[in-house]
């Protein structure tokens, strides 16, 4: 059954510059919680990294918006902090998920931090059908 998994990462923006641990071939990849370079590669991470699973696009987009709004007061960009800007981003996520696509949001926060909120298509992934569902791994 087609569904989406939710993932978040909040960490140092400097960690995004280290692309080694963000690639599946790197020995630290599976344990690293930093957002992968390719969104579908979230599905290669341990099942414990999944923060929610939805078959209903509206519920997935609601989760996406809630995670972003939790940190909106710390967004480095005044434009990104505006409620209307965030609403447009959440609406875009809902549209992407309804179409079976991934949805990703990324924001720099004060203190050189970065927030990533992702909804990753699964069952199978459109671009990476060879990657199985993390919740079906034993």
Protein backbone atom coordinates (compact mmCIF):
# COMPACT_ATOMS: atom_id res chain seq x y z
CA UNK A 1 0.00 0.00 0.00
CA UNK A 2 1.32 3.43 -0.92
CA UNK A 3 2.21 5.58 2.09
CA UNK A 4 4.62 8.25 3.30
CA UNK A 5 7.12 8.17 6.15
CA UNK A 6 8.01 11.28 8.11
CA UNK A 7 11.56 12.19 9.08
CA UNK A 8 13.07 15.23 10.75
CA UNK A 9 16.57 16.34 11.48
CA UNK A 10 17.67 19.31 13.57
CA UNK A 11 21.37 19.91 13.86
CA UNK A 12 24.34 22.05 12.99
CA UNK A 13 24.23 23.56 9.54
CA UNK A 14 27.92 22.66 9.33
CA UNK A 15 26.99 18.96 9.30
CA UNK A 16 25.29 19.49 5.95
CA UNK A 17 28.69 20.35 4.47
CA UNK A 18 30.03 16.88 5.33
CA UNK A 19 28.52 14.88 2.50
CA UNK A 20 30.26 11.59 3.33
CA UNK A 21 27.88 10.53 6.13
CA UNK A 22 24.99 11.66 3.94
CA UNK A 23 25.76 8.96 1.32
CA UNK A 24 24.74 5.27 1.68
CA UNK A 25 28.26 4.02 0.86
CA UNK A 26 29.73 5.81 3.89
CA UNK A 27 30.23 3.64 7.01
CA UNK A 28 28.49 6.23 9.23
CA UNK A 29 25.44 6.59 6.96
CA UNK A 30 23.01 4.24 8.73
CA UNK A 31 23.70 5.65 12.19
CA UNK A 32 23.80 9.29 11.09
CA UNK A 33 20.55 11.20 11.57
CA UNK A 34 21.63 14.01 9.23
CA UNK A 35 19.42 14.33 6.15
CA UNK A 36 20.71 12.19 3.24
CA UNK A 37 21.80 13.85 0.01
CA UNK A 38 19.04 11.97 -1.84
CA UNK A 39 15.66 12.03 -0.12
CA UNK A 40 14.78 8.41 -1.01
CA UNK A 41 17.82 7.30 0.97
CA UNK A 42 15.91 8.08 4.19
CA UNK A 43 14.27 4.70 3.48
CA UNK A 44 17.67 3.01 3.97
CA UNK A 45 17.95 4.33 7.53
CA UNK A 46 16.86 2.21 10.51
CA UNK A 47 13.07 1.91 11.01
CA UNK A 48 13.46 3.73 14.35
CA UNK A 49 14.20 6.94 12.41
CA UNK A 50 10.62 6.95 11.03
CA UNK A 51 8.61 9.48 13.03
CA UNK A 52 5.25 8.69 11.50
CA UNK A 53 3.58 6.88 8.61
CA UNK A 54 0.50 8.03 6.72
CA UNK A 55 -1.66 6.81 3.87
CA UNK A 56 -3.75 9.99 3.99
CA UNK A 57 -2.01 13.02 2.37
CA UNK A 58 -3.82 15.55 4.55
CA UNK A 59 -2.62 13.89 7.75
CA UNK A 60 0.94 13.73 6.43
CA UNK A 61 0.88 17.42 5.48
CA UNK A 62 -0.54 18.32 8.90
CA UNK A 63 2.40 16.55 10.56
CA UNK A 64 4.80 18.35 8.19
CA UNK A 65 3.31 21.72 9.14
CA UNK A 66 3.32 20.96 12.87
CA UNK A 67 7.00 20.02 12.83
CA UNK A 68 7.93 23.20 10.94
CA UNK A 69 5.74 25.47 13.10
CA UNK A 70 7.40 24.11 16.26
CA UNK A 71 10.59 25.87 15.15
CA UNK A 72 9.24 28.77 13.05
CA UNK A 73 10.05 31.33 15.75
CA UNK A 74 13.74 30.39 15.31
CA UNK A 75 13.85 30.54 11.50
CA UNK A 76 16.78 32.73 10.49
CA UNK A 77 14.78 34.26 7.64
CA UNK A 78 12.04 36.74 8.55
CA UNK A 79 10.31 35.78 5.30
CA UNK A 80 10.23 32.09 6.29
CA UNK A 81 8.80 32.99 9.72
CA UNK A 82 5.72 34.59 8.16
CA UNK A 83 2.65 32.35 8.70
CA UNK A 84 1.57 32.80 5.08
CA UNK A 85 4.96 31.61 3.80
CA UNK A 86 4.78 28.49 5.94
CA UNK A 87 1.18 27.84 4.88
CA UNK A 88 2.22 27.90 1.23
CA UNK A 89 5.02 25.41 2.01
CA UNK A 90 2.58 23.08 3.80
CA UNK A 91 0.10 23.32 0.92
CA UNK A 92 2.91 22.39 -1.47
CA UNK A 93 3.78 19.40 0.71
CA UNK A 94 0.14 18.27 0.68
CA UNK A 95 0.02 18.50 -3.11
CA UNK A 96 3.29 16.57 -3.50
CA UNK A 97 2.20 13.81 -1.13
CA UNK A 98 -1.20 13.52 -2.84
CA UNK A 99 0.70 12.96 -6.09
CA UNK A 100 2.86 10.21 -4.57
CA UNK A 101 5.96 12.41 -4.41
CA UNK A 102 8.35 13.29 -1.62
CA UNK A 103 7.96 16.58 0.24
CA UNK A 104 10.91 18.29 1.87
CA UNK A 105 11.34 21.44 3.86
CA UNK A 106 14.61 22.86 5.04
CA UNK A 107 15.18 25.97 7.12
CA UNK A 108 18.22 27.61 8.64
CA UNK A 109 17.59 28.53 12.25
CA UNK A 110 19.30 30.94 14.56
CA UNK A 111 22.52 29.64 16.07
CA UNK A 112 23.70 28.11 12.77
CA UNK A 113 21.24 25.24 13.10
CA UNK A 114 19.27 23.60 10.31
CA UNK A 115 15.84 21.94 10.40
CA UNK A 116 14.83 19.35 7.83
CA UNK A 117 11.27 17.99 7.67
CA UNK A 118 10.62 15.30 5.06
CA UNK A 119 7.77 13.12 3.88
CA UNK A 120 9.16 10.23 1.86
CA UNK A 121 7.00 8.18 -0.50
CA UNK A 122 7.08 4.44 0.02
CA UNK A 123 5.34 1.35 -1.26
CA UNK A 124 7.38 1.61 -3.53
CA UNK A 125 9.28 4.88 -3.96
CA UNK A 126 8.66 6.23 -7.46
CA UNK A 127 12.33 6.94 -8.27
CA UNK A 128 13.93 4.21 -6.14
CA UNK A 129 11.57 1.21 -6.30
CA UNK A 130 14.44 -1.10 -5.35
CA UNK A 131 14.54 0.38 -1.84
CA UNK A 132 12.16 -1.54 0.40
CA UNK A 133 9.97 -0.15 3.13
CA UNK A 134 11.99 0.37 6.34
CA UNK A 135 9.08 -0.92 8.42
CA UNK A 136 9.16 -4.29 6.63
CA UNK A 137 12.79 -4.98 7.54
CA UNK A 138 13.54 -7.36 10.36
